[in-house]
Amino acid sequence: MSSNSYLYQYLFIGIFALFSLIFAMIPLVLAWFLAPRKPSLSKQAPYECGLASEGDPWIQYHVQYYIYALIFVIFDIEAVFIYPWAVAFKKLGLFAFVEMIIFIAILTFGLVYAWKRKMLEWE
């Protein structure tokens, strides 16, 4: 097998993925077998900032929390994409600049849409 073949290169990726999976699973398996198990009522009770819990722990949240979370994730991902683009800005050229402007325009359209629908206001 030559060192330039695709299979040879993917073999290293597969070995790396396998070792990383095993490396992540070893502490979990060890904790499963070695951790002491002494269940009690106080350990299984819901913990709420050091105070005794009151009421049902399963409550429904207002759907607006989820909308805020989705908007946050969208703009967080935007930052993840814009940062490497900004670092390599001079090397990428005009095509990458136009693509990033389109990307930002789509996200701006989404923000304006959410704003116009009053999804960002508390009731």
PDB file of N, CA and C in Angstrom:
ATOM      1  N   MET A   1       0.855  -1.169   0.000  1.00  0.00           N
ATOM      2  CA  MET A   1       0.000   0.000   0.000  1.00  0.00           C
ATOM      3  C   MET A   1       0.902   1.233   0.000  1.00  0.00           C
ATOM      4  N   SER A   2       0.736   2.084  -0.991  1.00  0.00           N
ATOM      5  CA  SER A   2       1.583   3.272  -1.064  1.00  0.00           C
ATOM      6  C   SER A   2       1.086   4.321  -0.077  1.00  0.00           C
ATOM      7  N   SER A   3       2.005   5.179   0.300  1.00  0.00           N
ATOM      8  CA  SER A   3       1.660   6.180   1.316  1.00  0.00           C
ATOM      9  C   SER A   3       0.795   7.294   0.750  1.00  0.00           C
ATOM     10  N   ASN A   4       0.611   7.341  -0.561  1.00  0.00           N
ATOM     11  CA  ASN A   4      -0.191   8.403  -1.168  1.00  0.00           C
ATOM     12  C   ASN A   4      -1.610   7.971  -1.506  1.00  0.00           C
ATOM     13  N   SER A   5      -1.948   6.710  -1.298  1.00  0.00           N
ATOM     14  CA  SER A   5      -3.287   6.264  -1.660  1.00  0.00           C
ATOM     15  C   SER A   5      -4.318   6.799  -0.669  1.00  0.00           C
ATOM     16  N   TYR A   6      -5.544   6.956  -1.174  1.00  0.00           N
ATOM     17  CA  TYR A   6      -6.618   7.478  -0.330  1.00  0.00           C
ATOM     18  C   TYR A   6      -6.929   6.528   0.821  1.00  0.00           C
ATOM     19  N   LEU A   7      -6.897   5.241   0.544  1.00  0.00           N
ATOM     20  CA  LEU A   7      -7.206   4.265   1.580  1.00  0.00           C
ATOM     21  C   LEU A   7      -6.215   4.355   2.733  1.00  0.00           C
ATOM     22  N   TYR A   8      -4.957   4.548   2.409  1.00  0.00           N
ATOM     23  CA  TYR A   8      -3.916   4.665   3.425  1.00  0.00           C
ATOM     24  C   TYR A   8      -4.142   5.907   4.288  1.00  0.00           C
ATOM     25  N   GLN A   9      -4.549   7.008   3.659  1.00  0.00           N
ATOM     26  CA  GLN A   9      -4.796   8.240   4.418  1.00  0.00           C
ATOM     27  C   GLN A   9      -6.044   8.113   5.294  1.00  0.00           C
ATOM     28  N   TYR A  10      -7.078   7.466   4.766  1.00  0.00           N
ATOM     29  CA  TYR A  10      -8.282   7.263   5.562  1.00  0.00           C
ATOM     30  C   TYR A  10      -8.061   6.256   6.685  1.00  0.00           C
ATOM     31  N   LEU A  11      -7.108   5.384   6.522  1.00  0.00           N
ATOM     32  CA  LEU A  11      -6.770   4.435   7.580  1.00  0.00           C
ATOM     33  C   LEU A  11      -6.293   5.183   8.827  1.00  0.00           C
ATOM     34  N   PHE A  12      -5.462   6.194   8.634  1.00  0.00           N
ATOM     35  CA  PHE A  12      -4.997   6.990   9.770  1.00  0.00           C
ATOM     36  C   PHE A  12      -6.147   7.740  10.435  1.00  0.00           C
ATOM     37  N   ILE A  13      -7.078   8.247   9.653  1.00  0.00           N
ATOM     38  CA  ILE A  13      -8.241   8.937  10.223  1.00  0.00           C
ATOM     39  C   ILE A  13      -9.091   7.953  11.021  1.00  0.00           C
ATOM     40  N   GLY A  14      -9.281   6.764  10.481  1.00  0.00           N
ATOM     41  CA  GLY A  14     -10.057   5.746  11.188  1.00  0.00           C
ATOM     42  C   GLY A  14      -9.403   5.310  12.481  1.00  0.00           C
ATOM     43  N   ILE A  15      -8.074   5.111  12.449  1.00  0.00           N
ATOM     44  CA  ILE A  15      -7.354   4.726  13.665  1.00  0.00           C
ATOM     45  C   ILE A  15      -7.443   5.841  14.701  1.00  0.00           C
ATOM     46  N   PHE A  16      -7.288   7.077  14.260  1.00  0.00           N
ATOM     47  CA  PHE A  16      -7.380   8.217  15.171  1.00  0.00           C
ATOM     48  C   PHE A  16      -8.777   8.295  15.787  1.00  0.00           C
ATOM     49  N   ALA A  17      -9.823   8.104  14.985  1.00  0.00           N
ATOM     50  CA  ALA A  17     -11.191   8.151  15.499  1.00  0.00           C
ATOM     51  C   ALA A  17     -11.429   7.013  16.489  1.00  0.00           C
ATOM     52  N   LEU A  18     -10.917   5.831  16.192  1.00  0.00           N
ATOM     53  CA  LEU A  18     -11.088   4.689  17.085  1.00  0.00           C
ATOM     54  C   LEU A  18     -10.399   4.934  18.426  1.00  0.00           C
ATOM     55  N   PHE A  19      -9.164   5.412  18.391  1.00  0.00           N
ATOM     56  CA  PHE A  19      -8.447   5.685  19.638  1.00  0.00           C
ATOM     57  C   PHE A  19      -9.097   6.809  20.428  1.00  0.00           C
ATOM     58  N   SER A  20      -9.613   7.817  19.749  1.00  0.00           N
ATOM     59  CA  SER A  20     -10.262   8.904  20.483  1.00  0.00           C
ATOM     60  C   SER A  20     -11.554   8.413  21.132  1.00  0.00           C
ATOM     61  N   LEU A  21     -12.280   7.541  20.462  1.00  0.00           N
ATOM     62  CA  LEU A  21     -13.484   6.967  21.048  1.00  0.00           C
ATOM     63  C   LEU A  21     -13.146   6.109  22.259  1.00  0.00           C
ATOM     64  N   ILE A  22     -12.126   5.273  22.126  1.00  0.00           N
ATOM     65  CA  ILE A  22     -11.721   4.416  23.243  1.00  0.00           C
ATOM     66  C   ILE A  22     -11.214   5.274  24.400  1.00  0.00           C
ATOM     67  N   PHE A  23     -10.439   6.303  24.084  1.00  0.00           N
ATOM     68  CA  PHE A  23      -9.893   7.183  25.114  1.00  0.00           C
ATOM     69  C   PHE A  23     -11.009   7.903  25.876  1.00  0.00           C
ATOM     70  N   ALA A  24     -12.096   8.253  25.180  1.00  0.00           N
ATOM     71  CA  ALA A  24     -13.217   8.919  25.842  1.00  0.00           C
ATOM     72  C   ALA A  24     -14.070   7.943  26.642  1.00  0.00           C
ATOM     73  N   MET A  25     -14.138   6.702  26.221  1.00  0.00           N
ATOM     74  CA  MET A  25     -15.001   5.725  26.883  1.00  0.00           C
ATOM     75  C   MET A  25     -14.357   5.095  28.127  1.00  0.00           C
ATOM     76  N   ILE A  26     -13.040   5.046  28.192  1.00  0.00           N
ATOM     77  CA  ILE A  26     -12.364   4.401  29.326  1.00  0.00           C
ATOM     78  C   ILE A  26     -12.770   5.015  30.668  1.00  0.00           C
ATOM     79  N   PRO A  27     -12.731   6.341  30.853  1.00  0.00           N
ATOM     80  CA  PRO A  27     -13.158   6.886  32.157  1.00  0.00           C
ATOM     81  C   PRO A  27     -14.623   6.606  32.486  1.00  0.00           C
ATOM     82  N   LEU A  28     -15.483   6.609  31.464  1.00  0.00           N
ATOM     83  CA  LEU A  28     -16.892   6.336  31.715  1.00  0.00           C
ATOM     84  C   LEU A  28     -17.106   4.895  32.160  1.00  0.00           C
ATOM     85  N   VAL A  29     -16.428   3.968  31.520  1.00  0.00           N
ATOM     86  CA  VAL A  29     -16.565   2.561  31.890  1.00  0.00           C
ATOM     87  C   VAL A  29     -15.970   2.317  33.273  1.00  0.00           C
ATOM     88  N   LEU A  30     -14.813   2.905  33.538  1.00  0.00           N
ATOM     89  CA  LEU A  30     -14.197   2.750  34.861  1.00  0.00           C
ATOM     90  C   LEU A  30     -15.094   3.318  35.954  1.00  0.00           C
ATOM     91  N   ALA A  31     -15.691   4.480  35.709  1.00  0.00           N
ATOM     92  CA  ALA A  31     -16.584   5.074  36.705  1.00  0.00           C
ATOM     93  C   ALA A  31     -17.815   4.202  36.923  1.00  0.00           C
ATOM     94  N   TRP A  32     -18.305   3.578  35.869  1.00  0.00           N
ATOM     95  CA  TRP A  32     -19.471   2.710  35.988  1.00  0.00           C
ATOM     96  C   TRP A  32     -19.185   1.520  36.894  1.00  0.00           C
ATOM     97  N   PHE A  33     -17.987   0.938  36.762  1.00  0.00           N
ATOM     98  CA  PHE A  33     -17.654  -0.242  37.559  1.00  0.00           C
ATOM     99  C   PHE A  33     -17.101   0.090  38.940  1.00  0.00           C
ATOM    100  N   LEU A  34     -16.369   1.193  39.078  1.00  0.00           N
ATOM    101  CA  LEU A  34     -15.679   1.483  40.333  1.00  0.00           C
ATOM    102  C   LEU A  34     -16.430   2.434  41.264  1.00  0.00           C
ATOM    103  N   ALA A  35     -17.412   3.159  40.744  1.00  0.00           N
ATOM    104  CA  ALA A  35     -18.104   4.144  41.577  1.00  0.00           C
ATOM    105  C   ALA A  35     -18.944   3.441  42.644  1.00  0.00           C
ATOM    106  N   PRO A  36     -18.916   3.963  43.887  1.00  0.00           N
ATOM    107  CA  PRO A  36     -19.747   3.356  44.932  1.00  0.00           C
ATOM    108  C   PRO A  36     -21.226   3.652  44.673  1.00  0.00           C
ATOM    109  N   ARG A  37     -22.049   2.675  44.973  1.00  0.00           N
ATOM    110  CA  ARG A  37     -23.496   2.841  44.794  1.00  0.00           C
ATOM    111  C   ARG A  37     -24.173   2.742  46.159  1.00  0.00           C
ATOM    112  N   LYS A  38     -24.520   3.899  46.691  1.00  0.00           N
ATOM    113  CA  LYS A  38     -25.223   3.959  47.970  1.00  0.00           C
ATOM    114  C   LYS A  38     -26.428   4.878  47.800  1.00  0.00           C
ATOM    115  N   PRO A  39     -27.475   4.411  47.128  1.00  0.00           N
ATOM    116  CA  PRO A  39     -28.631   5.287  46.894  1.00  0.00           C
ATOM    117  C   PRO A  39     -29.377   5.585  48.196  1.00  0.00           C
ATOM    118  N   SER A  40     -29.878   6.797  48.276  1.00  0.00           N
ATOM    119  CA  SER A  40     -30.712   7.194  49.413  1.00  0.00           C
ATOM    120  C   SER A  40     -31.722   8.227  48.917  1.00  0.00           C
ATOM    121  N   LEU A  41     -32.696   8.526  49.753  1.00  0.00           N
ATOM    122  CA  LEU A  41     -33.720   9.494  49.360  1.00  0.00           C
ATOM    123  C   LEU A  41     -33.130  10.880  49.139  1.00  0.00           C
ATOM    124  N   SER A  42     -32.195  11.266  49.983  1.00  0.00           N
ATOM    125  CA  SER A  42     -31.624  12.609  49.837  1.00  0.00           C
ATOM    126  C   SER A  42     -30.769  12.731  48.578  1.00  0.00           C
ATOM    127  N   LYS A  43     -30.131  11.639  48.156  1.00  0.00           N
ATOM    128  CA  LYS A  43     -29.333  11.682  46.935  1.00  0.00           C
ATOM    129  C   LYS A  43     -30.196  11.683  45.681  1.00  0.00           C
ATOM    130  N   GLN A  44     -31.353  11.094  45.757  1.00  0.00           N
ATOM    131  CA  GLN A  44     -32.203  11.013  44.587  1.00  0.00           C
ATOM    132  C   GLN A  44     -33.229  12.150  44.510  1.00  0.00           C
ATOM    133  N   ALA A  45     -33.257  13.012  45.511  1.00  0.00           N
ATOM    134  CA  ALA A  45     -34.175  14.147  45.499  1.00  0.00           C
ATOM    135  C   ALA A  45     -33.643  15.222  44.554  1.00  0.00           C
ATOM    136  N   PRO A  46     -34.542  15.961  43.892  1.00  0.00           N
ATOM    137  CA  PRO A  46     -34.078  17.048  43.028  1.00  0.00           C
ATOM    138  C   PRO A  46     -33.389  18.126  43.853  1.00  0.00           C
ATOM    139  N   TYR A  47     -32.274  18.620  43.364  1.00  0.00           N
ATOM    140  CA  TYR A  47     -31.488  19.630  44.063  1.00  0.00           C
ATOM    141  C   TYR A  47     -31.728  20.972  43.404  1.00  0.00           C
ATOM    142  N   GLU A  48     -32.036  21.977  44.213  1.00  0.00           N
ATOM    143  CA  GLU A  48     -32.372  23.275  43.669  1.00  0.00           C
ATOM    144  C   GLU A  48     -31.691  24.364  44.489  1.00  0.00           C
ATOM    145  N   CYS A  49     -30.462  24.680  44.169  1.00  0.00           N
ATOM    146  CA  CYS A  49     -29.706  25.768  44.805  1.00  0.00           C
ATOM    147  C   CYS A  49     -29.604  25.620  46.319  1.00  0.00           C
ATOM    148  N   GLY A  50     -29.523  24.426  46.815  1.00  0.00           N
ATOM    149  CA  GLY A  50     -29.362  24.206  48.241  1.00  0.00           C
ATOM    150  C   GLY A  50     -30.645  24.285  49.033  1.00  0.00           C
ATOM    151  N   LEU A  51     -31.752  24.542  48.378  1.00  0.00           N
ATOM    152  CA  LEU A  51     -33.035  24.647  49.059  1.00  0.00           C
ATOM    153  C   LEU A  51     -33.877  23.425  48.742  1.00  0.00           C
ATOM    154  N   ALA A  52     -34.806  23.158  49.623  1.00  0.00           N
ATOM    155  CA  ALA A  52     -35.738  22.060  49.363  1.00  0.00           C
ATOM    156  C   ALA A  52     -36.613  22.424  48.168  1.00  0.00           C
ATOM    157  N   SER A  53     -36.812  21.475  47.287  1.00  0.00           N
ATOM    158  CA  SER A  53     -37.598  21.733  46.079  1.00  0.00           C
ATOM    159  C   SER A  53     -39.062  21.922  46.426  1.00  0.00           C
ATOM    160  N   GLU A  54     -39.695  22.809  45.693  1.00  0.00           N
ATOM    161  CA  GLU A  54     -41.123  23.052  45.874  1.00  0.00           C
ATOM    162  C   GLU A  54     -41.822  22.889  44.536  1.00  0.00           C
ATOM    163  N   GLY A  55     -42.903  22.200  44.526  1.00  0.00           N
ATOM    164  CA  GLY A  55     -43.684  22.053  43.303  1.00  0.00           C
ATOM    165  C   GLY A  55     -43.157  20.950  42.401  1.00  0.00           C
ATOM    166  N   ASP A  56     -43.806  20.820  41.279  1.00  0.00           N
ATOM    167  CA  ASP A  56     -43.469  19.793  40.298  1.00  0.00           C
ATOM    168  C   ASP A  56     -42.221  20.207  39.519  1.00  0.00           C
ATOM    169  N   PRO A  57     -41.192  19.353  39.441  1.00  0.00           N
ATOM    170  CA  PRO A  57     -39.997  19.742  38.694  1.00  0.00           C
ATOM    171  C   PRO A  57     -40.209  19.751  37.184  1.00  0.00           C
ATOM    172  N   TRP A  58     -41.280  19.110  36.702  1.00  0.00           N
ATOM    173  CA  TRP A  58     -41.559  19.079  35.270  1.00  0.00           C
ATOM    174  C   TRP A  58     -42.553  20.183  34.933  1.00  0.00           C
ATOM    175  N   ILE A  59     -42.019  21.338  34.556  1.00  0.00           N
ATOM    176  CA  ILE A  59     -42.886  22.450  34.178  1.00  0.00           C
ATOM    177  C   ILE A  59     -42.671  22.762  32.704  1.00  0.00           C
ATOM    178  N   GLN A  60     -43.649  23.359  32.097  1.00  0.00           N
ATOM    179  CA  GLN A  60     -43.520  23.758  30.707  1.00  0.00           C
ATOM    180  C   GLN A  60     -43.005  25.187  30.642  1.00  0.00           C
ATOM    181  N   TYR A  61     -42.013  25.374  29.780  1.00  0.00           N
ATOM    182  CA  TYR A  61     -41.475  26.711  29.574  1.00  0.00           C
ATOM    183  C   TYR A  61     -42.209  27.377  28.424  1.00  0.00           C
ATOM    184  N   HIS A  62     -42.211  28.677  28.454  1.00  0.00           N
ATOM    185  CA  HIS A  62     -42.822  29.442  27.381  1.00  0.00           C
ATOM    186  C   HIS A  62     -42.021  29.195  26.105  1.00  0.00           C
ATOM    187  N   VAL A  63     -42.689  29.081  24.997  1.00  0.00           N
ATOM    188  CA  VAL A  63     -42.045  28.763  23.729  1.00  0.00           C
ATOM    189  C   VAL A  63     -41.050  29.859  23.318  1.00  0.00           C
ATOM    190  N   GLN A  64     -41.211  31.048  23.853  1.00  0.00           N
ATOM    191  CA  GLN A  64     -40.316  32.147  23.490  1.00  0.00           C
ATOM    192  C   GLN A  64     -38.881  31.877  23.945  1.00  0.00           C
ATOM    193  N   TYR A  65     -38.679  31.099  24.992  1.00  0.00           N
ATOM    194  CA  TYR A  65     -37.327  30.734  25.407  1.00  0.00           C
ATOM    195  C   TYR A  65     -36.622  29.949  24.299  1.00  0.00           C
ATOM    196  N   TYR A  66     -37.365  29.080  23.642  1.00  0.00           N
ATOM    197  CA  TYR A  66     -36.782  28.284  22.574  1.00  0.00           C
ATOM    198  C   TYR A  66     -36.435  29.151  21.372  1.00  0.00           C
ATOM    199  N   ILE A  67     -37.261  30.137  21.092  1.00  0.00           N
ATOM    200  CA  ILE A  67     -36.976  31.041  19.973  1.00  0.00           C
ATOM    201  C   ILE A  67     -35.712  31.828  20.260  1.00  0.00           C
ATOM    202  N   TYR A  68     -35.558  32.307  21.486  1.00  0.00           N
ATOM    203  CA  TYR A  68     -34.323  33.005  21.850  1.00  0.00           C
ATOM    204  C   TYR A  68     -33.113  32.077  21.724  1.00  0.00           C
ATOM    205  N   ALA A  69     -33.285  30.843  22.149  1.00  0.00           N
ATOM    206  CA  ALA A  69     -32.178  29.893  22.054  1.00  0.00           C
ATOM    207  C   ALA A  69     -31.809  29.638  20.599  1.00  0.00           C
ATOM    208  N   LEU A  70     -32.787  29.480  19.736  1.00  0.00           N
ATOM    209  CA  LEU A  70     -32.500  29.253  18.319  1.00  0.00           C
ATOM    210  C   LEU A  70     -31.827  30.456  17.679  1.00  0.00           C
ATOM    211  N   ILE A  71     -32.279  31.638  18.002  1.00  0.00           N
ATOM    212  CA  ILE A  71     -31.652  32.837  17.453  1.00  0.00           C
ATOM    213  C   ILE A  71     -30.220  32.961  17.963  1.00  0.00           C
ATOM    214  N   PHE A  72     -30.000  32.645  19.231  1.00  0.00           N
ATOM    215  CA  PHE A  72     -28.637  32.670  19.760  1.00  0.00           C
ATOM    216  C   PHE A  72     -27.747  31.677  19.023  1.00  0.00           C
ATOM    217  N   VAL A  73     -28.244  30.471  18.805  1.00  0.00           N
ATOM    218  CA  VAL A  73     -27.448  29.456  18.112  1.00  0.00           C
ATOM    219  C   VAL A  73     -27.131  29.903  16.695  1.00  0.00           C
ATOM    220  N   ILE A  74     -28.089  30.495  16.012  1.00  0.00           N
ATOM    221  CA  ILE A  74     -27.845  30.965  14.648  1.00  0.00           C
ATOM    222  C   ILE A  74     -26.721  31.987  14.627  1.00  0.00           C
ATOM    223  N   PHE A  75     -26.762  32.962  15.528  1.00  0.00           N
ATOM    224  CA  PHE A  75     -25.730  33.995  15.510  1.00  0.00           C
ATOM    225  C   PHE A  75     -24.416  33.509  16.117  1.00  0.00           C
ATOM    226  N   ASP A  76     -24.481  32.495  16.937  1.00  0.00           N
ATOM    227  CA  ASP A  76     -23.252  31.878  17.426  1.00  0.00           C
ATOM    228  C   ASP A  76     -22.549  31.150  16.288  1.00  0.00           C
ATOM    229  N   ILE A  77     -23.304  30.431  15.482  1.00  0.00           N
ATOM    230  CA  ILE A  77     -22.732  29.741  14.324  1.00  0.00           C
ATOM    231  C   ILE A  77     -22.208  30.760  13.321  1.00  0.00           C
ATOM    232  N   GLU A  78     -22.889  31.875  13.199  1.00  0.00           N
ATOM    233  CA  GLU A  78     -22.402  32.930  12.311  1.00  0.00           C
ATOM    234  C   GLU A  78     -21.013  33.385  12.736  1.00  0.00           C
ATOM    235  N   ALA A  79     -20.816  33.563  14.023  1.00  0.00           N
ATOM    236  CA  ALA A  79     -19.502  33.975  14.507  1.00  0.00           C
ATOM    237  C   ALA A  79     -18.450  32.909  14.227  1.00  0.00           C
ATOM    238  N   VAL A  80     -18.838  31.646  14.332  1.00  0.00           N
ATOM    239  CA  VAL A  80     -17.903  30.556  14.061  1.00  0.00           C
ATOM    240  C   VAL A  80     -17.484  30.565  12.596  1.00  0.00           C
ATOM    241  N   PHE A  81     -18.383  30.920  11.692  1.00  0.00           N
ATOM    242  CA  PHE A  81     -18.040  30.968  10.273  1.00  0.00           C
ATOM    243  C   PHE A  81     -17.295  32.242   9.895  1.00  0.00           C
ATOM    244  N   ILE A  82     -17.633  33.347  10.522  1.00  0.00           N
ATOM    245  CA  ILE A  82     -17.010  34.619  10.145  1.00  0.00           C
ATOM    246  C   ILE A  82     -15.570  34.729  10.648  1.00  0.00           C
ATOM    247  N   TYR A  83     -15.275  34.166  11.807  1.00  0.00           N
ATOM    248  CA  TYR A  83     -13.923  34.318  12.363  1.00  0.00           C
ATOM    249  C   TYR A  83     -12.829  33.752  11.447  1.00  0.00           C
ATOM    250  N   PRO A  84     -12.917  32.494  10.982  1.00  0.00           N
ATOM    251  CA  PRO A  84     -11.857  32.011  10.090  1.00  0.00           C
ATOM    252  C   PRO A  84     -11.823  32.758   8.758  1.00  0.00           C
ATOM    253  N   TRP A  85     -12.983  33.209   8.298  1.00  0.00           N
ATOM    254  CA  TRP A  85     -13.025  33.999   7.068  1.00  0.00           C
ATOM    255  C   TRP A  85     -12.272  35.310   7.265  1.00  0.00           C
ATOM    256  N   ALA A  86     -12.455  35.945   8.408  1.00  0.00           N
ATOM    257  CA  ALA A  86     -11.778  37.211   8.677  1.00  0.00           C
ATOM    258  C   ALA A  86     -10.271  37.021   8.818  1.00  0.00           C
ATOM    259  N   VAL A  87      -9.854  35.891   9.360  1.00  0.00           N
ATOM    260  CA  VAL A  87      -8.420  35.629   9.521  1.00  0.00           C
ATOM    261  C   VAL A  87      -7.749  35.470   8.161  1.00  0.00           C
ATOM    262  N   ALA A  88      -8.415  34.800   7.232  1.00  0.00           N
ATOM    263  CA  ALA A  88      -7.831  34.543   5.907  1.00  0.00           C
ATOM    264  C   ALA A  88      -8.420  35.463   4.848  1.00  0.00           C
ATOM    265  N   PHE A  89      -8.868  36.635   5.219  1.00  0.00           N
ATOM    266  CA  PHE A  89      -9.573  37.534   4.316  1.00  0.00           C
ATOM    267  C   PHE A  89      -8.749  37.902   3.093  1.00  0.00           C
ATOM    268  N   LYS A  90      -7.490  38.268   3.273  1.00  0.00           N
ATOM    269  CA  LYS A  90      -6.660  38.728   2.151  1.00  0.00           C
ATOM    270  C   LYS A  90      -6.346  37.608   1.161  1.00  0.00           C
ATOM    271  N   LYS A  91      -6.278  36.375   1.633  1.00  0.00           N
ATOM    272  CA  LYS A  91      -5.937  35.252   0.758  1.00  0.00           C
ATOM    273  C   LYS A  91      -7.134  34.758  -0.050  1.00  0.00           C
ATOM    274  N   LEU A  92      -8.346  34.998   0.427  1.00  0.00           N
ATOM    275  CA  LEU A  92      -9.522  34.400  -0.181  1.00  0.00           C
ATOM    276  C   LEU A  92     -10.013  35.112  -1.433  1.00  0.00           C
ATOM    277  N   GLY A  93      -9.866  36.390  -1.492  1.00  0.00           N
ATOM    278  CA  GLY A  93     -10.260  37.113  -2.693  1.00  0.00           C
ATOM    279  C   GLY A  93     -11.693  37.589  -2.700  1.00  0.00           C
ATOM    280  N   LEU A  94     -12.101  38.083  -3.877  1.00  0.00           N
ATOM    281  CA  LEU A  94     -13.400  38.718  -4.033  1.00  0.00           C
ATOM    282  C   LEU A  94     -14.557  37.725  -3.946  1.00  0.00           C
ATOM    283  N   PHE A  95     -14.379  36.516  -4.468  1.00  0.00           N
ATOM    284  CA  PHE A  95     -15.460  35.525  -4.452  1.00  0.00           C
ATOM    285  C   PHE A  95     -15.875  35.196  -3.017  1.00  0.00           C
ATOM    286  N   ALA A  96     -14.905  34.986  -2.146  1.00  0.00           N
ATOM    287  CA  ALA A  96     -15.218  34.676  -0.748  1.00  0.00           C
ATOM    288  C   ALA A  96     -15.875  35.872  -0.061  1.00  0.00           C
ATOM    289  N   PHE A  97     -15.473  37.078  -0.454  1.00  0.00           N
ATOM    290  CA  PHE A  97     -16.084  38.272   0.113  1.00  0.00           C
ATOM    291  C   PHE A  97     -17.567  38.347  -0.259  1.00  0.00           C
ATOM    292  N   VAL A  98     -17.876  38.080  -1.522  1.00  0.00           N
ATOM    293  CA  VAL A  98     -19.264  38.103  -1.977  1.00  0.00           C
ATOM    294  C   VAL A  98     -20.069  37.008  -1.282  1.00  0.00           C
ATOM    295  N   GLU A  99     -19.485  35.829  -1.142  1.00  0.00           N
ATOM    296  CA  GLU A  99     -20.171  34.733  -0.452  1.00  0.00           C
ATOM    297  C   GLU A  99     -20.483  35.099   1.000  1.00  0.00           C
ATOM    298  N   MET A 100     -19.556  35.750   1.679  1.00  0.00           N
ATOM    299  CA  MET A 100     -19.783  36.138   3.070  1.00  0.00           C
ATOM    300  C   MET A 100     -20.840  37.231   3.168  1.00  0.00           C
ATOM    301  N   ILE A 101     -20.866  38.130   2.213  1.00  0.00           N
ATOM    302  CA  ILE A 101     -21.903  39.165   2.200  1.00  0.00           C
ATOM    303  C   ILE A 101     -23.284  38.507   2.032  1.00  0.00           C
ATOM    304  N   ILE A 102     -23.376  37.496   1.165  1.00  0.00           N
ATOM    305  CA  ILE A 102     -24.637  36.781   0.980  1.00  0.00           C
ATOM    306  C   ILE A 102     -25.033  36.069   2.274  1.00  0.00           C
ATOM    307  N   PHE A 103     -24.061  35.432   2.926  1.00  0.00           N
ATOM    308  CA  PHE A 103     -24.317  34.729   4.186  1.00  0.00           C
ATOM    309  C   PHE A 103     -24.833  35.684   5.255  1.00  0.00           C
ATOM    310  N   ILE A 104     -24.184  36.831   5.388  1.00  0.00           N
ATOM    311  CA  ILE A 104     -24.599  37.822   6.384  1.00  0.00           C
ATOM    312  C   ILE A 104     -25.960  38.402   6.019  1.00  0.00           C
ATOM    313  N   ALA A 105     -26.230  38.577   4.714  1.00  0.00           N
ATOM    314  CA  ALA A 105     -27.522  39.107   4.288  1.00  0.00           C
ATOM    315  C   ALA A 105     -28.649  38.133   4.640  1.00  0.00           C
ATOM    316  N   ILE A 106     -28.414  36.839   4.471  1.00  0.00           N
ATOM    317  CA  ILE A 106     -29.433  35.846   4.827  1.00  0.00           C
ATOM    318  C   ILE A 106     -29.714  35.888   6.323  1.00  0.00           C
ATOM    319  N   LEU A 107     -28.662  35.976   7.121  1.00  0.00           N
ATOM    320  CA  LEU A 107     -28.869  36.035   8.574  1.00  0.00           C
ATOM    321  C   LEU A 107     -29.525  37.347   8.997  1.00  0.00           C
ATOM    322  N   THR A 108     -29.179  38.435   8.319  1.00  0.00           N
ATOM    323  CA  THR A 108     -29.817  39.712   8.624  1.00  0.00           C
ATOM    324  C   THR A 108     -31.298  39.662   8.278  1.00  0.00           C
ATOM    325  N   PHE A 109     -31.613  39.020   7.164  1.00  0.00           N
ATOM    326  CA  PHE A 109     -33.024  38.849   6.793  1.00  0.00           C
ATOM    327  C   PHE A 109     -33.769  38.058   7.875  1.00  0.00           C
ATOM    328  N   GLY A 110     -33.137  37.028   8.412  1.00  0.00           N
ATOM    329  CA  GLY A 110     -33.757  36.245   9.482  1.00  0.00           C
ATOM    330  C   GLY A 110     -33.973  37.070  10.735  1.00  0.00           C
ATOM    331  N   LEU A 111     -33.008  37.914  11.078  1.00  0.00           N
ATOM    332  CA  LEU A 111     -33.152  38.771  12.252  1.00  0.00           C
ATOM    333  C   LEU A 111     -34.262  39.795  12.046  1.00  0.00           C
ATOM    334  N   VAL A 112     -34.303  40.406  10.871  1.00  0.00           N
ATOM    335  CA  VAL A 112     -35.358  41.385  10.585  1.00  0.00           C
ATOM    336  C   VAL A 112     -36.725  40.714  10.614  1.00  0.00           C
ATOM    337  N   TYR A 113     -36.809  39.494  10.079  1.00  0.00           N
ATOM    338  CA  TYR A 113     -38.068  38.744  10.097  1.00  0.00           C
ATOM    339  C   TYR A 113     -38.518  38.484  11.540  1.00  0.00           C
ATOM    340  N   ALA A 114     -37.593  38.046  12.388  1.00  0.00           N
ATOM    341  CA  ALA A 114     -37.930  37.795  13.790  1.00  0.00           C
ATOM    342  C   ALA A 114     -38.321  39.081  14.494  1.00  0.00           C
ATOM    343  N   TRP A 115     -37.664  40.172  14.143  1.00  0.00           N
ATOM    344  CA  TRP A 115     -37.960  41.455  14.762  1.00  0.00           C
ATOM    345  C   TRP A 115     -39.355  41.952  14.347  1.00  0.00           C
ATOM    346  N   LYS A 116     -39.663  41.834  13.049  1.00  0.00           N
ATOM    347  CA  LYS A 116     -40.958  42.292  12.547  1.00  0.00           C
ATOM    348  C   LYS A 116     -42.111  41.454  13.106  1.00  0.00           C
ATOM    349  N   ARG A 117     -41.880  40.187  13.324  1.00  0.00           N
ATOM    350  CA  ARG A 117     -42.910  39.307  13.887  1.00  0.00           C
ATOM    351  C   ARG A 117     -43.004  39.444  15.406  1.00  0.00           C
ATOM    352  N   LYS A 118     -42.192  40.347  15.968  1.00  0.00           N
ATOM    353  CA  LYS A 118     -42.157  40.637  17.405  1.00  0.00           C
ATOM    354  C   LYS A 118     -41.821  39.409  18.227  1.00  0.00           C
ATOM    355  N   MET A 119     -40.921  38.578  17.678  1.00  0.00           N
ATOM    356  CA  MET A 119     -40.473  37.394  18.401  1.00  0.00           C
ATOM    357  C   MET A 119     -39.423  37.729  19.459  1.00  0.00           C
ATOM    358  N   LEU A 120     -38.866  38.906  19.385  1.00  0.00           N
ATOM    359  CA  LEU A 120     -37.811  39.291  20.324  1.00  0.00           C
ATOM    360  C   LEU A 120     -38.329  40.146  21.461  1.00  0.00           C
ATOM    361  N   GLU A 121     -39.635  40.277  21.584  1.00  0.00           N
ATOM    362  CA  GLU A 121     -40.209  41.088  22.659  1.00  0.00           C
ATOM    363  C   GLU A 121     -40.900  40.196  23.673  1.00  0.00           C
ATOM    364  N   TRP A 122     -40.747  40.544  24.935  1.00  0.00           N
ATOM    365  CA  TRP A 122     -41.437  39.801  26.007  1.00  0.00           C
ATOM    366  C   TRP A 122     -42.860  40.280  26.104  1.00  0.00           C
ATOM    367  N   GLU A 123     -43.717  39.356  26.429  1.00  0.00           N
ATOM    368  CA  GLU A 123     -45.151  39.713  26.578  1.00  0.00           C
ATOM    369  C   GLU A 123     -45.512  39.859  28.031  1.00  0.00           C
TER     370      GLU A 123
END
